[in-house]
């Protein structure tokens, strides 16, 4: 082995839809490949072809490569090989095509944001089928420090390869105050996700620090549509600076709350009724609405308690939140139902909006429903109810009904 080359590097997971790659640089002899796979009888030749093609693209010509496969798809194989080759052989990163103009939607449904561990390809493969409004490929809390390097490469390849359907593609990076944050951006920004979830935000500087790096990378790679931001507030200091965080960048489209870290910061236990973080959640909603952006509530951590989940989602909506975090696909439909207007609310809103249109038709500035006068804020709330019902697909009617 050449003196300048690293010893054997081992990357990957011995789990379904993943693989372990062990790569040892050699002085000569070409590629010495050893493969074991749970699907070897069916796809062994294709896996070998994918491995050799990936190594050639990475410029690795002399190496001993041991692959232990559990049914990984091509993009996973390429991601794991890239990680091993870059560490062992010092090759440059995979040259992936720069995405073209992809429209980023500032104002869209964000009732549910499903967290997916960034080091688990099996959960990413069919994530679009879960029906979440947003999917978060997580590089922070769900990935242990030794796995963060390989995870960011896996997420990069997932963004470049997988179809996440109508879901917003979000990546939660590590804080810029850690050794991992800037490295996350270097890999992820060129893959052009829709939005970055920025954790541990306590001041405007936490957002600005990300924006400075992102803007430089967008310019470098010719990315035309700016990435959007979701700052995540998880501490007492962050809550007290919520408005400052919410207005730190024009890229910001939502302000999020994380109860687990927040209660740890307070030194208290998280309770089901949430009395220990009610004030914090209220302040985050107020900051988000004052900044003209959405507010996203924390996750409900008990995946078995569906009644508690629904109650928490209804409370969040009543407080002014636009959605909640989700840690299991089974939580998605109940949250969507909780955030949907009820039939009674829709009917009442239709009557109020119709009363407004009747008043306009008569040239009157007074809106009345029966014998009761209807104030402008009530009309605005009714219009928002109908707009939400249409956005959620539970109301089909002529758009004129929603005119102010």
Protein backbone atom coordinates (compact mmCIF):
# COMPACT_ATOMS: atom_id res chain seq x y z
CA UNK A 1 0.00 0.00 0.00
CA UNK A 2 1.25 3.51 -0.75
CA UNK A 3 2.48 5.43 2.29
CA UNK A 4 0.12 8.31 1.54
CA UNK A 5 -2.98 6.14 1.43
CA UNK A 6 -5.25 5.42 4.38
CA UNK A 7 -5.85 1.94 5.82
CA UNK A 8 -9.11 0.12 5.35
CA UNK A 9 -12.22 2.28 5.66
CA UNK A 10 -15.55 0.74 6.66
CA UNK A 11 -18.81 2.57 5.90
CA UNK A 12 -22.48 1.61 5.93
CA UNK A 13 -24.98 -0.37 7.99
CA UNK A 14 -25.79 -4.06 8.24
CA UNK A 15 -29.49 -3.32 7.79
CA UNK A 16 -32.24 -3.84 5.22
CA UNK A 17 -31.82 -1.79 2.03
CA UNK A 18 -28.27 -0.86 3.04
CA UNK A 19 -24.78 -2.33 2.79
CA UNK A 20 -21.35 -2.25 4.35
CA UNK A 21 -18.38 -1.26 2.21
CA UNK A 22 -14.81 -2.00 3.30
CA UNK A 23 -12.27 -0.35 1.01
CA UNK A 24 -8.50 -0.76 1.18
CA UNK A 25 -6.30 1.21 -1.25
CA UNK A 26 -3.67 -0.81 -3.13
CA UNK A 27 -0.56 0.17 -5.06
CA UNK A 28 -1.38 -2.01 -8.05
CA UNK A 29 -3.58 -4.87 -9.16
CA UNK A 30 -6.76 -3.09 -10.16
CA UNK A 31 -10.04 -3.66 -8.29
CA UNK A 32 -10.21 -6.76 -6.10
CA UNK A 33 -13.93 -7.09 -5.39
CA UNK A 34 -15.59 -9.46 -2.91
CA UNK A 35 -19.40 -9.44 -2.74
CA UNK A 36 -21.90 -11.11 -0.46
CA UNK A 37 -25.56 -10.15 -0.83
CA UNK A 38 -28.98 -11.29 0.31
CA UNK A 39 -30.07 -10.88 -3.30
CA UNK A 40 -26.92 -12.18 -4.94
CA UNK A 41 -28.65 -14.92 -6.93
CA UNK A 42 -30.92 -12.38 -8.61
CA UNK A 43 -28.87 -9.19 -8.76
CA UNK A 44 -25.26 -10.17 -8.07
CA UNK A 45 -24.01 -9.28 -11.55
CA UNK A 46 -25.85 -5.94 -11.50
CA UNK A 47 -24.42 -5.07 -8.07
CA UNK A 48 -20.89 -5.86 -9.28
CA UNK A 49 -21.47 -3.72 -12.35
CA UNK A 50 -22.73 -0.84 -10.19
CA UNK A 51 -19.78 -1.09 -7.80
CA UNK A 52 -17.18 -1.16 -10.56
CA UNK A 53 -18.87 1.68 -12.42
CA UNK A 54 -19.02 3.80 -9.28
CA UNK A 55 -15.35 3.19 -8.47
CA UNK A 56 -14.37 4.11 -12.02
CA UNK A 57 -16.37 7.34 -11.81
CA UNK A 58 -14.63 8.15 -8.54
CA UNK A 59 -11.22 7.50 -10.08
CA UNK A 60 -10.41 4.50 -7.88
CA UNK A 61 -8.37 2.03 -9.94
CA UNK A 62 -6.45 -0.01 -7.35
CA UNK A 63 -8.29 -1.19 -4.26
CA UNK A 64 -9.59 -4.18 -2.35
CA UNK A 65 -13.34 -3.75 -1.91
CA UNK A 66 -15.51 -5.96 0.28
CA UNK A 67 -19.25 -5.41 -0.06
CA UNK A 68 -21.79 -6.95 2.34
CA UNK A 69 -25.20 -6.10 0.87
CA UNK A 70 -28.71 -6.30 2.32
CA UNK A 71 -30.63 -5.31 -0.80
CA UNK A 72 -29.36 -1.78 -1.30
CA UNK A 73 -30.43 0.10 -4.41
CA UNK A 74 -27.93 1.66 -6.81
CA UNK A 75 -28.01 5.14 -5.23
CA UNK A 76 -27.25 3.70 -1.80
CA UNK A 77 -24.35 1.68 -3.21
CA UNK A 78 -22.93 4.78 -4.87
CA UNK A 79 -23.30 6.86 -1.71
CA UNK A 80 -21.53 4.29 0.46
CA UNK A 81 -18.74 3.81 -2.09
CA UNK A 82 -18.23 7.56 -2.38
CA UNK A 83 -17.85 7.86 1.36
CA UNK A 84 -15.34 5.02 1.57
CA UNK A 85 -13.35 6.16 -1.46
CA UNK A 86 -13.09 9.76 -0.28
CA UNK A 87 -11.85 8.69 3.13
CA UNK A 88 -9.50 5.92 2.00
CA UNK A 89 -8.16 7.26 -1.28
CA UNK A 90 -8.61 11.00 -0.99
CA UNK A 91 -10.69 11.23 -4.16
CA UNK A 92 -12.86 14.27 -4.79
CA UNK A 93 -16.61 14.21 -4.30
CA UNK A 94 -18.96 12.61 -6.78
CA UNK A 95 -19.68 14.94 -9.68
CA UNK A 96 -23.46 15.03 -9.67
CA UNK A 97 -25.57 17.11 -12.04
CA UNK A 98 -26.60 20.49 -10.66
CA UNK A 99 -30.43 20.62 -10.44
CA UNK A 100 -32.12 23.04 -12.78
CA UNK A 101 -34.67 25.64 -11.80
CA UNK A 102 -36.86 24.07 -9.13
CA UNK A 103 -39.58 26.33 -7.77
CA UNK A 104 -39.50 26.73 -3.99
CA UNK A 105 -42.96 27.26 -2.52
CA UNK A 106 -43.03 29.71 0.38
CA UNK A 107 -46.70 29.40 1.29
CA UNK A 108 -47.83 25.80 1.21
CA UNK A 109 -49.40 23.21 3.49
CA UNK A 110 -47.06 22.25 6.32
CA UNK A 111 -49.46 20.43 8.64
CA UNK A 112 -47.02 17.55 9.05
CA UNK A 113 -43.23 17.32 8.84
CA UNK A 114 -42.07 13.69 9.08
CA UNK A 115 -38.56 13.11 10.42
CA UNK A 116 -36.50 10.47 8.60
CA UNK A 117 -33.05 9.49 9.93
CA UNK A 118 -30.46 10.53 7.36
CA UNK A 119 -28.52 7.30 7.75
CA UNK A 120 -31.46 4.97 7.02
CA UNK A 121 -32.16 4.49 3.28
CA UNK A 122 -34.93 1.98 3.93
CA UNK A 123 -37.14 4.69 5.43
CA UNK A 124 -36.41 7.09 2.57
CA UNK A 125 -37.31 4.73 -0.27
CA UNK A 126 -41.10 4.95 -0.02
CA UNK A 127 -41.37 8.11 2.08
CA UNK A 128 -43.54 9.82 -0.55
CA UNK A 129 -46.29 7.24 0.12
CA UNK A 130 -46.74 8.36 3.72
CA UNK A 131 -48.64 11.50 2.69
CA UNK A 132 -46.76 13.98 4.89
CA UNK A 133 -46.77 17.58 3.70
CA UNK A 134 -43.02 17.75 4.42
CA UNK A 135 -40.27 15.16 4.76
CA UNK A 136 -37.22 15.93 6.90
CA UNK A 137 -34.04 14.05 6.05
CA UNK A 138 -32.32 14.42 9.40
CA UNK A 139 -28.58 14.81 9.82
CA UNK A 140 -28.69 16.04 13.41
CA UNK A 141 -30.22 14.28 16.43
CA UNK A 142 -31.06 10.97 14.74
CA UNK A 143 -27.48 10.43 13.48
CA UNK A 144 -24.62 9.64 15.87
CA UNK A 145 -21.42 11.70 15.39
CA UNK A 146 -19.38 8.81 13.89
CA UNK A 147 -22.07 8.31 11.22
CA UNK A 148 -22.65 11.94 10.21
CA UNK A 149 -20.09 11.94 7.39
CA UNK A 150 -21.64 8.93 5.64
CA UNK A 151 -25.18 10.13 6.37
CA UNK A 152 -24.76 13.46 4.59
CA UNK A 153 -23.52 11.63 1.47
CA UNK A 154 -26.50 9.29 1.65
CA UNK A 155 -28.90 12.24 1.91
CA UNK A 156 -27.16 13.96 -1.01
CA UNK A 157 -27.66 10.92 -3.23
CA UNK A 158 -31.24 10.50 -2.02
CA UNK A 159 -32.09 14.07 -3.02
CA UNK A 160 -30.52 13.54 -6.43
CA UNK A 161 -32.24 10.21 -7.06
CA UNK A 162 -35.51 9.67 -5.20
CA UNK A 163 -38.93 11.05 -6.08
CA UNK A 164 -40.46 12.42 -2.89
CA UNK A 165 -43.72 13.24 -4.66
CA UNK A 166 -45.60 16.34 -3.53
CA UNK A 167 -43.86 16.47 -0.15
CA UNK A 168 -41.56 19.37 0.62
CA UNK A 169 -37.96 18.09 0.81
CA UNK A 170 -36.34 19.40 3.99
CA UNK A 171 -32.89 18.62 5.38
CA UNK A 172 -32.13 19.24 9.04
CA UNK A 173 -28.47 20.16 9.20
CA UNK A 174 -26.27 20.22 12.28
CA UNK A 175 -25.71 23.56 14.05
CA UNK A 176 -22.99 25.75 12.58
CA UNK A 177 -21.41 25.83 16.05
CA UNK A 178 -20.51 22.13 15.65
CA UNK A 179 -17.84 20.61 13.37
CA UNK A 180 -20.62 19.17 11.20
CA UNK A 181 -22.79 22.13 10.17
CA UNK A 182 -20.63 23.67 7.45
CA UNK A 183 -19.77 20.23 6.06
CA UNK A 184 -23.49 19.43 5.83
CA UNK A 185 -24.06 22.55 3.75
CA UNK A 186 -21.13 21.77 1.42
CA UNK A 187 -22.72 18.43 0.50
CA UNK A 188 -26.43 19.24 0.71
CA UNK A 189 -26.81 22.67 -0.89
CA UNK A 190 -25.62 21.51 -4.35
CA UNK A 191 -28.31 18.80 -4.22
CA UNK A 192 -30.90 21.61 -3.90
CA UNK A 193 -33.44 20.49 -1.31
CA UNK A 194 -36.46 22.73 -0.93
CA UNK A 195 -35.77 23.87 2.62
CA UNK A 196 -33.16 23.69 5.38
CA UNK A 197 -34.26 23.08 8.96
CA UNK A 198 -31.78 24.99 11.12
CA UNK A 199 -31.60 23.61 14.68
CA UNK A 200 -30.65 25.25 17.98
CA UNK A 201 -31.42 28.80 16.79
CA UNK A 202 -31.01 31.33 19.60
CA UNK A 203 -30.21 34.60 17.80
CA UNK A 204 -30.38 36.07 14.32
CA UNK A 205 -26.70 35.20 13.87
CA UNK A 206 -27.53 31.47 13.89
CA UNK A 207 -29.64 32.01 10.77
CA UNK A 208 -27.32 34.53 9.12
CA UNK A 209 -24.33 32.19 9.51
CA UNK A 210 -26.18 29.55 7.49
CA UNK A 211 -27.36 32.07 4.91
CA UNK A 212 -23.84 33.34 4.22
CA UNK A 213 -22.57 29.84 3.42
CA UNK A 214 -25.69 28.88 1.44
CA UNK A 215 -25.57 32.03 -0.70
CA UNK A 216 -21.92 31.42 -1.58
CA UNK A 217 -22.62 27.79 -2.52
CA UNK A 218 -25.66 28.73 -4.62
CA UNK A 219 -23.52 31.19 -6.53
CA UNK A 220 -20.70 28.64 -6.95
CA UNK A 221 -23.00 25.93 -8.31
CA UNK A 222 -25.33 28.18 -10.30
CA UNK A 223 -28.42 27.29 -8.26
CA UNK A 224 -31.17 29.63 -9.42
CA UNK A 225 -33.87 29.07 -6.80
CA UNK A 226 -32.75 30.13 -3.30
CA UNK A 227 -33.17 27.54 -0.56
CA UNK A 228 -35.78 28.32 2.07
CA UNK A 229 -35.17 28.25 5.82
CA UNK A 230 -37.01 26.90 8.87
CA UNK A 231 -35.28 27.97 12.09
CA UNK A 232 -35.91 25.59 14.98
CA UNK A 233 -36.10 27.13 18.46
CA UNK A 234 -35.19 24.74 21.27
CA UNK A 235 -34.02 26.82 24.23
CA UNK A 236 -35.13 29.56 26.58
CA UNK A 237 -32.72 31.99 24.92
CA UNK A 238 -34.16 31.12 21.53
CA UNK A 239 -37.71 31.75 22.72
CA UNK A 240 -36.74 35.15 24.10
CA UNK A 241 -35.21 36.05 20.69
CA UNK A 242 -37.93 34.40 18.58
CA UNK A 243 -38.90 37.50 16.59
CA UNK A 244 -35.25 38.29 15.92
CA UNK A 245 -34.74 34.75 14.62
CA UNK A 246 -37.95 34.85 12.55
CA UNK A 247 -36.93 38.05 10.75
CA UNK A 248 -33.21 37.32 10.31
CA UNK A 249 -33.53 36.22 6.66
CA UNK A 250 -36.02 36.70 3.81
CA UNK A 251 -35.56 32.97 3.10
CA UNK A 252 -37.38 32.04 6.31
CA UNK A 253 -40.85 30.62 5.75
CA UNK A 254 -41.66 29.05 9.13
CA UNK A 255 -40.58 29.15 12.76
CA UNK A 256 -40.49 25.78 14.53
CA UNK A 257 -40.48 24.72 18.18
CA UNK A 258 -38.65 21.75 19.73
CA UNK A 259 -40.05 20.79 23.13
CA UNK A 260 -37.59 18.04 24.05
CA UNK A 261 -34.50 20.24 24.02
CA UNK A 262 -36.47 23.17 25.43
CA UNK A 263 -37.60 21.27 28.53
CA UNK A 264 -34.08 19.90 28.96
CA UNK A 265 -32.82 23.47 28.84
CA UNK A 266 -35.29 24.41 31.58
CA UNK A 267 -34.30 21.36 33.60
CA UNK A 268 -37.87 20.06 33.80
CA UNK A 269 -39.72 16.99 32.55
CA UNK A 270 -41.98 17.23 29.54
CA UNK A 271 -45.62 16.58 30.46
CA UNK A 272 -48.59 15.46 28.38
CA UNK A 273 -50.55 18.66 28.97
CA UNK A 274 -47.50 20.77 28.10
CA UNK A 275 -47.93 23.40 30.80
CA UNK A 276 -44.14 23.78 31.05
CA UNK A 277 -43.84 25.02 27.47
CA UNK A 278 -47.22 26.68 26.83
CA UNK A 279 -45.80 30.19 27.18
CA UNK A 280 -42.85 29.35 24.90
CA UNK A 281 -45.16 27.99 22.21
CA UNK A 282 -47.35 31.08 22.48
CA UNK A 283 -44.37 33.39 22.04
CA UNK A 284 -43.18 31.44 19.00
CA UNK A 285 -46.62 31.70 17.36
CA UNK A 286 -46.69 35.44 18.04
CA UNK A 287 -43.18 35.90 16.63
CA UNK A 288 -44.00 33.90 13.50
CA UNK A 289 -47.24 35.74 12.81
CA UNK A 290 -45.58 39.10 13.46
CA UNK A 291 -42.94 38.14 10.88
CA UNK A 292 -45.60 37.00 8.40
CA UNK A 293 -44.47 33.37 8.34
CA UNK A 294 -45.87 30.02 9.46
CA UNK A 295 -45.50 28.53 12.94
CA UNK A 296 -44.85 24.79 13.34
CA UNK A 297 -45.44 23.04 16.66
CA UNK A 298 -43.26 20.40 18.29
CA UNK A 299 -43.60 16.63 17.87
CA UNK A 300 -45.92 14.50 20.01
CA UNK A 301 -43.54 11.87 21.27
CA UNK A 302 -45.93 9.04 22.32
CA UNK A 303 -46.70 7.23 19.07
CA UNK A 304 -49.19 4.92 20.83
CA UNK A 305 -51.38 7.70 22.25
CA UNK A 306 -53.54 8.74 19.31
CA UNK A 307 -56.12 10.50 21.48
CA UNK A 308 -53.35 12.57 23.03
CA UNK A 309 -51.94 13.30 19.59
CA UNK A 310 -55.27 14.59 18.28
CA UNK A 311 -55.81 16.72 21.38
CA UNK A 312 -52.30 18.17 21.02
CA UNK A 313 -52.85 18.92 17.32
CA UNK A 314 -56.19 20.62 17.99
CA UNK A 315 -54.63 22.71 20.72
CA UNK A 316 -51.79 23.67 18.36
CA UNK A 317 -54.24 24.79 15.70
CA UNK A 318 -56.24 26.76 18.27
CA UNK A 319 -53.04 28.52 19.35
CA UNK A 320 -52.27 29.56 15.78
CA UNK A 321 -49.79 26.90 14.69
CA UNK A 322 -49.92 25.75 11.06
CA UNK A 323 -48.65 22.22 11.67
CA UNK A 324 -46.72 19.80 13.89
CA UNK A 325 -43.63 17.69 13.70
CA UNK A 326 -44.17 13.95 13.15
CA UNK A 327 -42.00 11.02 14.24
CA UNK A 328 -44.12 8.14 12.87
CA UNK A 329 -46.22 7.82 9.69
CA UNK A 330 -49.24 6.72 11.77
CA UNK A 331 -49.41 10.25 13.19
CA UNK A 332 -49.91 11.92 9.81
CA UNK A 333 -53.61 11.32 9.08
CA UNK A 334 -54.82 12.18 12.61
CA UNK A 335 -52.92 15.47 12.51
CA UNK A 336 -54.27 16.31 9.05
CA UNK A 337 -57.79 15.62 10.30
CA UNK A 338 -57.24 17.73 13.43
CA UNK A 339 -56.02 20.70 11.39
CA UNK A 340 -58.94 20.45 8.95
CA UNK A 341 -61.99 22.69 9.47
CA UNK A 342 -65.05 20.81 10.69
CA UNK A 343 -68.20 20.64 8.52
CA UNK A 344 -69.89 23.01 10.97
CA UNK A 345 -67.05 25.53 10.71
CA UNK A 346 -67.12 25.34 6.92
CA UNK A 347 -70.89 25.88 6.72
CA UNK A 348 -70.71 28.85 9.09
CA UNK A 349 -67.83 30.34 7.10
CA UNK A 350 -69.78 29.96 3.85
CA UNK A 351 -72.74 31.79 5.34
CA UNK A 352 -70.53 34.64 6.52
CA UNK A 353 -68.79 34.99 3.15
CA UNK A 354 -72.14 34.84 1.36
CA UNK A 355 -73.43 37.62 3.62
CA UNK A 356 -70.39 39.69 2.60
CA UNK A 357 -71.14 39.15 -1.08
CA UNK A 358 -74.80 39.99 -0.57
CA UNK A 359 -73.80 43.25 1.15
CA UNK A 360 -71.47 44.13 -1.74
CA UNK A 361 -74.21 43.41 -4.27
CA UNK A 362 -76.50 45.85 -2.43
CA UNK A 363 -73.78 48.47 -2.22
CA UNK A 364 -73.82 48.22 1.55
CA UNK A 365 -70.76 48.38 3.75
CA UNK A 366 -72.56 46.59 6.56
CA UNK A 367 -72.36 42.79 6.69
CA UNK A 368 -75.11 41.04 8.59
CA UNK A 369 -75.88 37.40 9.25
CA UNK A 370 -79.53 37.23 10.23
CA UNK A 371 -79.96 39.88 12.90
CA UNK A 372 -76.28 39.93 13.89
CA UNK A 373 -73.67 42.32 12.54
CA UNK A 374 -70.50 40.64 11.30
CA UNK A 375 -67.22 42.44 11.99
CA UNK A 376 -64.37 42.52 9.48
CA UNK A 377 -62.11 40.18 11.54
CA UNK A 378 -64.92 37.59 11.58
CA UNK A 379 -65.21 37.81 7.80
CA UNK A 380 -61.44 37.46 7.41
CA UNK A 381 -61.45 34.39 9.65
CA UNK A 382 -64.28 32.85 7.63
CA UNK A 383 -62.39 33.42 4.39
CA UNK A 384 -59.31 31.75 5.88
CA UNK A 385 -61.42 28.78 6.98
CA UNK A 386 -62.73 28.28 3.44
CA UNK A 387 -59.25 28.74 1.98
CA UNK A 388 -57.94 26.04 4.32
CA UNK A 389 -60.83 23.74 3.41
CA UNK A 390 -60.03 24.13 -0.28
CA UNK A 391 -56.31 23.62 0.30
CA UNK A 392 -57.04 20.45 2.28
CA UNK A 393 -59.23 19.14 -0.54
CA UNK A 394 -62.42 18.98 1.53
CA UNK A 395 -64.24 21.83 -0.20
CA UNK A 396 -64.89 22.09 -3.93
CA UNK A 397 -66.56 25.26 -5.06
CA UNK A 398 -66.10 28.30 -7.27
CA UNK A 399 -63.13 30.42 -6.27
CA UNK A 400 -65.36 33.52 -6.23
CA UNK A 401 -66.73 32.28 -2.91
CA UNK A 402 -63.41 33.19 -1.34
CA UNK A 403 -63.19 36.71 -2.68
CA UNK A 404 -62.90 39.44 -0.06
